[in-house]
Amino acid sequence: MANLNVAVIAPNGYSKDLGKKGTVSDITLYDIKQGADTVTLLEPTSYPDRLAPLFYSASMSDRALVVVEAIDAKLGECMVMLHSAGVAKGWIVLRNFIAPEQLAPLMKGTVLESYEIVEDDATAIREMLLAAAREGDRAAEDIPGAVPVDHFFNVKGVGTVVLGMVTRGVVRRHDALTALPTERIAQVRSIQKHDDDFDEAAAGDRVGLALKNIGVEDLDRGIVLSADPHLKRTTELSGTVELVSFWKHPLKEGMVLHVGHWMQFVPARITSVGGSDAKRPQVTMSLEKPLVHPAGSRAVLMYLDGGKLRVAGWLPIE
């Protein structure tokens, strides 16, 4: 069973012609299913009023579908987010007689340069997404899985249920998972993928996990369920920041950024800035709460007081 997660950067509700509406909050999810192949579409419903939903949609996606109705600051910020989150593959739909050459200067030097321009045809796009799901970008790793929680609730007769994406490894029924960054242990009672029951789920799958030994009061968005002993819990980050070319604000000591990783959106204060390259400063940050991450990943840096562009770039984290 192949699944593809796609960030849909478009007018709210664009995905209703592509798939079936599922979970609705500050992000809205839609499902496409054909036989064993599935696609999960993520729309950042509360964006641009809130930046976090745009980050969540990009962070948890393998690819992006960008619908361009106007060339403006909002589009620019979305492009910078996709670039900073490393969403390297995707498609672009042009509306309102916008020509590719009008968009080219904005995409230059970003991941969107490699995106394919496609027609605004819902049937064709749906088939294209299912075909991409069948291709399967992710390599299966038989390591303990990790599921960042995006929604959670209590179901009568079932108990605690969490929704999320398997970002790495494999999660199996009866696994004992730690709700990181806490020490609380939950056991997987059952696994659902697109309303069907399974014994396991692998990287890329959208899952609903029924859990025991944990209540909804013990959970929060961004908690990572995993038995992987190699996942880190970090309260300080240091390294070379890759600022995007459009970023105009110098990073300064005392500045409060938000660090994004998986479904985590954590305030962080810059405690030191160094280096001779203004576009690649050496930065140390103190985080408000622990950030859960594997070695060799990246964190997106956002500055909510940045005006029309609130995405600064990213930081490789070890």
Protein backbone atom coordinates (compact mmCIF):
# COMPACT_ATOMS: atom_id res chain seq x y z
CA MET A 1 0.00 0.00 0.00
CA ALA A 2 1.57 3.26 -1.14
CA ASN A 3 0.73 6.65 0.34
CA LEU A 4 1.81 10.13 -0.74
CA ASN A 5 1.53 13.24 1.44
CA VAL A 6 1.02 16.45 -0.51
CA ALA A 7 0.95 20.05 0.75
CA VAL A 8 -1.72 21.90 -1.22
CA ILE A 9 -0.86 25.59 -1.36
CA ALA A 10 -4.04 26.95 -2.90
CA PRO A 11 -7.29 28.75 -2.08
CA ASN A 12 -8.95 27.04 0.89
CA GLY A 13 -11.13 24.15 -0.27
CA TYR A 14 -9.26 23.57 -3.53
CA SER A 15 -8.75 19.92 -2.54
CA LYS A 16 -12.48 19.19 -2.26
CA ASP A 17 -12.53 18.45 -5.99
CA LEU A 18 -9.59 16.08 -5.58
CA GLY A 19 -10.39 14.00 -2.51
CA LYS A 20 -12.67 13.32 0.44
CA LYS A 21 -12.51 15.77 3.33
CA GLY A 22 -11.20 14.32 6.57
CA THR A 23 -9.84 16.04 9.69
CA VAL A 24 -10.52 19.78 9.91
CA SER A 25 -8.66 22.20 12.19
CA ASP A 26 -6.06 24.86 11.36
CA ILE A 27 -5.02 22.34 8.71
CA THR A 28 -7.58 20.45 6.65
CA LEU A 29 -6.86 16.98 5.32
CA TYR A 30 -8.36 15.29 2.28
CA ASP A 31 -7.98 11.66 1.20
CA ILE A 32 -7.69 10.14 -2.25
CA LYS A 33 -7.94 6.36 -2.43
CA GLN A 34 -7.79 4.02 -5.41
CA GLY A 35 -7.32 0.36 -4.60
CA ALA A 36 -4.26 0.07 -2.36
CA ASP A 37 -2.89 3.49 -3.36
CA THR A 38 -3.66 6.56 -1.26
CA VAL A 39 -2.85 10.27 -1.19
CA THR A 40 -3.20 12.60 1.79
CA LEU A 41 -3.66 16.27 0.93
CA LEU A 42 -2.84 18.91 3.56
CA GLU A 43 -4.26 22.43 3.26
CA PRO A 44 -3.06 25.14 5.70
CA THR A 45 -6.57 26.43 6.44
CA SER A 46 -5.63 29.17 8.92
CA TYR A 47 -2.80 30.58 6.79
CA PRO A 48 -1.88 33.43 6.24
CA ASP A 49 -3.29 34.66 9.57
CA ARG A 50 -1.15 32.01 11.28
CA LEU A 51 2.16 30.77 9.95
CA ALA A 52 2.23 27.46 11.84
CA PRO A 53 -0.34 25.67 9.60
CA LEU A 54 1.74 26.46 6.52
CA PHE A 55 4.78 25.01 8.24
CA TYR A 56 2.91 21.88 9.36
CA SER A 57 1.58 21.25 5.85
CA ALA A 58 5.02 21.61 4.27
CA SER A 59 6.92 19.76 6.99
CA MET A 60 4.77 16.63 6.84
CA SER A 61 4.59 16.39 3.04
CA ASP A 62 6.62 14.56 0.41
CA ARG A 63 5.53 16.89 -2.40
CA ALA A 64 3.59 20.10 -2.96
CA LEU A 65 0.83 21.27 -5.28
CA VAL A 66 1.00 25.06 -5.65
CA VAL A 67 -1.93 26.89 -7.25
CA VAL A 68 -0.86 30.38 -8.34
CA GLU A 69 -3.65 32.93 -8.62
CA ALA A 70 -1.48 36.02 -8.07
CA ILE A 71 2.21 36.82 -7.79
CA ASP A 72 2.33 38.50 -4.41
CA ALA A 73 3.99 38.40 -0.98
CA LYS A 74 1.79 35.51 0.18
CA LEU A 75 2.96 33.34 -2.71
CA GLY A 76 6.55 34.35 -2.00
CA GLU A 77 6.28 33.30 1.64
CA CYS A 78 4.76 29.94 0.65
CA MET A 79 7.61 29.33 -1.79
CA VAL A 80 10.20 30.17 0.85
CA MET A 81 8.51 27.79 3.30
CA LEU A 82 8.54 24.91 0.80
CA HIS A 83 12.19 25.63 0.04
CA SER A 84 13.20 25.85 3.70
CA ALA A 85 11.30 22.66 4.56
CA GLY A 86 13.05 20.86 1.69
CA VAL A 87 9.94 19.86 -0.29
CA ALA A 88 12.00 19.11 -3.38
CA LYS A 89 9.29 17.79 -5.72
CA GLY A 90 5.93 19.17 -6.75
CA TRP A 91 3.62 20.69 -9.29
CA ILE A 92 2.42 24.19 -10.13
CA VAL A 93 -0.99 25.22 -11.48
CA LEU A 94 -1.16 28.68 -13.08
CA ARG A 95 -4.41 30.66 -13.03
CA ASN A 96 -5.55 34.11 -14.15
CA PHE A 97 -3.42 33.99 -17.33
CA ILE A 98 -0.15 34.01 -15.36
CA ALA A 99 2.68 32.84 -17.62
CA PRO A 100 5.59 30.67 -16.47
CA GLU A 101 8.12 33.39 -17.32
CA GLN A 102 6.37 35.75 -14.89
CA LEU A 103 6.93 33.26 -12.09
CA ALA A 104 10.48 32.28 -13.00
CA PRO A 105 12.34 35.14 -11.17
CA LEU A 106 10.56 34.30 -7.90
CA MET A 107 11.38 30.59 -8.17
CA LYS A 108 15.04 31.05 -9.09
CA GLY A 109 17.36 29.36 -6.62
CA THR A 110 14.52 27.54 -4.83
CA VAL A 111 13.23 23.96 -4.96
CA LEU A 112 10.30 25.20 -7.02
CA GLU A 113 12.55 25.53 -10.07
CA SER A 114 12.16 21.76 -10.49
CA TYR A 115 8.36 21.68 -10.02
CA GLU A 116 6.30 20.67 -13.05
CA ILE A 117 3.65 23.05 -14.41
CA VAL A 118 0.36 21.19 -14.93
CA GLU A 119 -3.14 22.02 -16.15
CA ASP A 120 -5.86 22.99 -13.68
CA ASP A 121 -7.86 19.81 -14.26
CA ALA A 122 -9.05 18.02 -11.12
CA THR A 123 -9.40 14.61 -12.76
CA ALA A 124 -5.95 14.76 -14.34
CA ILE A 125 -4.37 16.03 -11.10
CA ARG A 126 -5.98 13.23 -9.08
CA GLU A 127 -4.60 10.59 -11.44
CA MET A 128 -1.20 12.29 -11.41
CA LEU A 129 -1.11 12.20 -7.60
CA LEU A 130 -2.09 8.53 -7.47
CA ALA A 131 0.59 7.70 -10.04
CA ALA A 132 3.15 9.53 -7.90
CA ALA A 133 1.98 7.54 -4.86
CA ARG A 134 2.55 4.30 -6.73
CA GLU A 135 6.11 5.38 -7.55
CA GLY A 136 6.92 5.43 -3.82
CA ASP A 137 9.61 8.01 -3.01
CA ARG A 138 10.36 6.66 0.46
CA ALA A 139 12.70 3.76 1.18
CA ALA A 140 11.37 1.40 3.82
CA GLU A 141 13.60 1.16 6.91
CA ASP A 142 12.89 -1.54 9.47
CA ILE A 143 13.73 0.67 12.44
CA PRO A 144 11.42 1.74 15.29
CA GLY A 145 8.87 4.15 13.83
CA ALA A 146 8.15 7.75 14.76
CA VAL A 147 4.71 9.37 14.63
CA PRO A 148 4.46 13.11 15.35
CA VAL A 149 0.92 13.72 16.65
CA ASP A 150 -1.18 16.32 14.84
CA HIS A 151 -4.64 15.56 16.32
CA PHE A 152 -5.87 13.52 19.29
CA PHE A 153 -9.21 12.78 20.93
CA ASN A 154 -11.16 10.28 22.98
CA VAL A 155 -13.44 7.82 21.16
CA LYS A 156 -16.23 6.17 23.15
CA GLY A 157 -15.60 2.46 23.44
CA VAL A 158 -12.09 2.81 21.98
CA GLY A 159 -10.25 5.28 24.20
CA THR A 160 -7.43 7.58 23.17
CA VAL A 161 -6.88 7.97 19.43
CA VAL A 162 -4.10 9.99 17.81
CA LEU A 163 -3.67 11.00 14.18
CA GLY A 164 -0.35 11.60 12.49
CA MET A 165 2.14 10.67 9.79
CA VAL A 166 4.77 7.96 10.19
CA THR A 167 7.87 10.01 9.44
CA ARG A 168 10.39 7.15 9.64
CA GLY A 169 10.63 3.46 10.38
CA VAL A 170 7.77 1.08 11.13
CA VAL A 171 5.07 1.14 13.83
CA ARG A 172 3.38 -2.15 14.71
CA ARG A 173 0.31 -3.14 16.66
CA HIS A 174 1.15 -3.80 20.33
CA ASP A 175 4.32 -1.63 20.16
CA ALA A 176 5.14 0.25 23.36
CA LEU A 177 5.84 3.85 22.32
CA THR A 178 7.22 6.71 24.38
CA ALA A 179 5.33 10.00 24.08
CA LEU A 180 8.43 12.14 23.58
CA PRO A 181 9.70 14.45 24.99
CA THR A 182 7.96 12.99 28.09
CA GLU A 183 8.72 9.58 29.57
CA ARG A 184 5.11 8.35 29.39
CA ILE A 185 4.65 4.99 27.64
CA ALA A 186 1.62 4.15 25.47
CA GLN A 187 0.79 0.84 23.83
CA VAL A 188 -0.65 0.63 20.31
CA ARG A 189 -4.00 -1.17 20.44
CA SER A 190 -4.79 -0.84 16.75
CA ILE A 191 -3.65 0.91 13.57
CA GLN A 192 -5.85 2.39 10.87
CA LYS A 193 -4.79 3.76 7.50
CA HIS A 194 -7.51 5.52 5.51
CA ASP A 195 -10.21 3.76 7.60
CA ASP A 196 -8.80 0.24 7.09
CA ASP A 197 -7.19 -1.84 9.86
CA PHE A 198 -3.54 -2.90 9.58
CA ASP A 199 -0.97 -4.64 11.74
CA GLU A 200 1.75 -2.13 10.88
CA ALA A 201 2.45 1.20 9.21
CA ALA A 202 5.63 2.47 7.60
CA ALA A 203 7.24 5.80 6.72
CA GLY A 204 4.88 7.96 4.66
CA ASP A 205 1.67 6.42 5.98
CA ARG A 206 -1.12 8.54 7.43
CA VAL A 207 -2.31 6.70 10.54
CA GLY A 208 -4.84 6.67 13.31
CA LEU A 209 -3.48 4.90 16.38
CA ALA A 210 -5.72 3.68 19.19
CA LEU A 211 -3.63 3.80 22.36
CA LYS A 212 -3.89 2.48 25.88
CA ASN A 213 -2.13 3.56 29.08
CA ILE A 214 -2.32 7.22 28.02
CA GLY A 215 -5.09 9.82 28.08
CA VAL A 216 -5.79 12.85 25.92
CA GLU A 217 -4.78 15.02 28.89
CA ASP A 218 -1.25 13.60 28.51
CA LEU A 219 -0.96 14.57 24.86
CA ASP A 220 -0.28 17.69 22.85
CA ARG A 221 0.25 18.48 19.20
CA GLY A 222 3.87 17.82 18.27
CA ILE A 223 4.44 14.95 20.71
CA VAL A 224 6.39 12.19 18.95
CA LEU A 225 5.34 8.60 19.59
CA SER A 226 8.34 6.33 19.13
CA ALA A 227 10.39 3.48 20.55
CA ASP A 228 13.51 4.66 18.74
CA PRO A 229 16.31 5.16 21.31
CA HIS A 230 18.26 7.28 18.83
CA LEU A 231 15.77 10.15 18.72
CA LYS A 232 17.15 13.18 20.52
CA ARG A 233 15.52 15.65 22.92
CA THR A 234 17.27 18.98 22.52
CA THR A 235 16.85 22.22 24.48
CA GLU A 236 19.68 24.11 22.78
CA LEU A 237 20.53 24.30 19.10
CA SER A 238 23.80 25.51 17.57
CA GLY A 239 24.99 25.59 14.00
CA THR A 240 25.16 27.44 10.72
CA VAL A 241 21.84 28.95 9.67
CA GLU A 242 21.02 28.93 5.96
CA LEU A 243 19.12 32.19 5.51
CA VAL A 244 17.01 32.42 2.36
CA SER A 245 18.07 35.03 -0.20
CA PHE A 246 14.88 37.08 0.35
CA TRP A 247 15.50 37.47 4.11
CA LYS A 248 16.26 41.05 5.16
CA HIS A 249 16.39 40.94 8.98
CA PRO A 250 19.82 40.30 10.56
CA LEU A 251 19.70 37.65 13.28
CA LYS A 252 20.55 39.22 16.62
CA GLU A 253 21.16 38.07 20.17
CA GLY A 254 17.90 38.15 22.13
CA MET A 255 15.68 37.71 19.05
CA VAL A 256 12.86 35.19 19.53
CA LEU A 257 12.35 32.81 16.61
CA HIS A 258 10.12 29.78 16.21
CA VAL A 259 11.82 26.49 15.40
CA GLY A 260 9.80 24.04 13.34
CA HIS A 261 10.43 20.31 13.08
CA TRP A 262 7.80 17.67 12.18
CA MET A 263 4.67 18.89 14.07
CA GLN A 264 6.68 20.90 16.60
CA PHE A 265 6.59 24.71 16.57
CA VAL A 266 8.80 25.81 19.45
CA PRO A 267 9.79 29.37 20.53
CA ALA A 268 13.56 29.83 20.81
CA ARG A 269 15.70 32.77 21.91
CA ILE A 270 18.99 33.48 20.14
CA THR A 271 21.77 33.52 22.76
CA SER A 272 24.69 34.15 20.43
CA VAL A 273 25.39 35.08 16.79
CA GLY A 274 28.78 34.86 15.09
CA GLY A 275 30.53 34.22 11.81
CA SER A 276 31.60 36.51 8.98
CA ASP A 277 28.89 35.55 6.45
CA ALA A 278 25.64 37.42 7.14
CA LYS A 279 23.68 34.90 5.07
CA ARG A 280 25.18 31.93 6.96
CA PRO A 281 25.54 33.10 10.56
CA GLN A 282 26.70 30.85 13.38
CA VAL A 283 23.84 30.82 15.87
CA THR A 284 23.07 29.31 19.27
CA MET A 285 19.47 29.21 20.46
CA SER A 286 17.80 28.26 23.73
CA LEU A 287 14.46 26.48 23.22
CA GLU A 288 11.38 27.00 25.37
CA LYS A 289 10.80 23.22 25.49
CA PRO A 290 12.66 20.15 24.19
CA LEU A 291 12.71 19.53 20.46
CA VAL A 292 12.45 15.86 19.41
CA HIS A 293 14.42 14.99 16.28
CA PRO A 294 16.68 12.42 14.63
CA ALA A 295 20.29 13.24 13.88
CA GLY A 296 20.93 14.76 10.47
CA SER A 297 17.59 16.54 10.07
CA ARG A 298 16.73 20.20 9.58
CA ALA A 299 14.73 22.76 11.54
CA VAL A 300 12.87 25.59 9.82
CA LEU A 301 13.43 29.00 11.44
CA MET A 302 10.57 31.48 11.51
CA TYR A 303 10.28 35.03 12.83
CA LEU A 304 6.64 35.89 13.46
CA ASP A 305 7.37 39.64 13.54
CA GLY A 306 9.02 39.49 10.11
CA GLY A 307 6.20 41.26 8.27
CA LYS A 308 5.42 39.96 4.78
CA LEU A 309 8.11 37.28 5.03
CA ARG A 310 8.19 35.33 8.27
CA VAL A 311 10.31 32.36 7.12
CA ALA A 312 14.02 33.03 7.69
CA GLY A 313 15.58 29.76 6.50
CA TRP A 314 16.70 26.55 8.15
CA LEU A 315 19.27 25.05 10.47
CA PRO A 316 20.83 21.59 9.98
CA ILE A 317 20.63 19.79 13.34
CA GLU A 318 22.70 16.86 14.52
